[in-house]
Amino acid sequence: MLDQETQQALFDLRCHWQDAYYITYSGGAWNASPFIDRDAVLTAGSPAELRTRMQNDYAARAMASGATAARWAGYSST
């Protein structure tokens, strides 16, 4: 059973990133896999570190695709 703080951090990450990443916590490791590339796994030691890794990964994928981050996520940038 996860403690209250860990549950809240997991809930917060999922609320903000659930459309782009599958997020888990197990044995002290925070993990996220982009839905478009489930073989890729981002791992971190804290929820803040995972959030930063997801932000960087999200931006890098958007740049690699030649789209703005908003368009890459399926939102209109207009």
Protein backbone atom coordinates (compact mmCIF):
# COMPACT_ATOMS: atom_id res chain seq x y z
CA MET A 1 0.00 0.00 0.00
CA LEU A 2 1.31 3.42 -0.96
CA ASP A 3 1.49 6.16 1.65
CA GLN A 4 -0.70 9.27 1.28
CA GLU A 5 2.10 11.47 -0.10
CA THR A 6 3.07 8.94 -2.78
CA GLN A 7 -0.56 8.40 -3.74
CA GLN A 8 -1.08 12.14 -4.10
CA ALA A 9 2.07 12.58 -6.19
CA LEU A 10 1.04 9.71 -8.48
CA PHE A 11 -2.46 11.17 -8.81
CA ASP A 12 -1.07 14.62 -9.66
CA LEU A 13 1.30 13.28 -12.33
CA ARG A 14 -1.43 11.18 -13.90
CA CYS A 15 -3.88 14.11 -13.94
CA HIS A 16 -1.42 16.25 -15.89
CA TRP A 17 0.20 13.62 -18.11
CA GLN A 18 -2.31 10.78 -18.54
CA ASP A 19 -3.00 11.63 -22.19
CA ALA A 20 0.65 11.24 -23.17
CA TYR A 21 2.30 8.84 -20.67
CA TYR A 22 1.57 5.67 -18.73
CA ILE A 23 2.86 6.47 -15.21
CA THR A 24 3.68 4.00 -12.45
CA TYR A 25 5.42 3.85 -9.09
CA SER A 26 6.95 0.66 -7.73
CA GLY A 27 9.67 -0.08 -5.22
CA GLY A 28 10.86 3.50 -4.99
CA ALA A 29 11.08 4.00 -8.77
CA TRP A 30 8.89 6.42 -10.68
CA ASN A 31 8.36 5.35 -14.31
CA ALA A 32 6.64 6.75 -17.37
CA SER A 33 6.25 5.35 -20.87
CA PRO A 34 5.03 7.50 -23.75
CA PHE A 35 1.89 6.04 -25.29
CA ILE A 36 3.38 6.46 -28.76
CA ASP A 37 6.53 4.51 -27.82
CA ARG A 38 5.79 2.00 -25.07
CA ASP A 39 9.30 0.53 -25.38
CA ALA A 40 10.75 3.78 -24.04
CA VAL A 41 10.77 4.05 -20.24
CA LEU A 42 11.66 7.15 -18.29
CA THR A 43 12.79 6.34 -14.74
CA ALA A 44 13.30 8.70 -11.82
CA GLY A 45 13.83 8.68 -8.08
CA SER A 46 11.17 11.26 -7.30
CA PRO A 47 7.94 12.59 -8.77
CA ALA A 48 9.56 15.98 -9.46
CA GLU A 49 12.41 14.32 -11.34
CA LEU A 50 9.94 12.24 -13.38
CA ARG A 51 7.92 15.34 -14.25
CA THR A 52 11.09 17.02 -15.53
CA ARG A 53 12.02 13.94 -17.56
CA MET A 54 8.54 13.81 -19.11
CA GLN A 55 8.64 17.53 -19.94
CA ASN A 56 12.02 17.13 -21.63
CA ASP A 57 10.98 13.95 -23.46
CA TYR A 58 7.72 15.52 -24.60
CA ALA A 59 9.50 18.59 -25.96
CA ALA A 60 12.20 16.50 -27.68
CA ARG A 61 9.59 14.33 -29.39
CA ALA A 62 7.69 17.41 -30.54
CA MET A 63 10.85 18.97 -31.96
CA ALA A 64 11.85 15.71 -33.68
CA SER A 65 8.46 15.50 -35.35
CA GLY A 66 8.73 19.09 -36.57
CA ALA A 67 5.60 20.11 -34.68
CA THR A 68 4.96 22.37 -31.78
CA ALA A 69 4.43 20.52 -28.52
CA ALA A 70 0.75 21.48 -28.60
CA ARG A 71 0.24 20.08 -32.09
CA TRP A 72 2.20 16.94 -31.26
CA ALA A 73 -0.21 16.34 -28.40
CA GLY A 74 -3.13 16.70 -30.74
CA TYR A 75 -4.19 20.18 -29.75
CA SER A 76 -4.63 23.07 -32.12
CA SER A 77 -2.11 25.85 -31.71
CA THR A 78 -4.43 28.44 -33.20
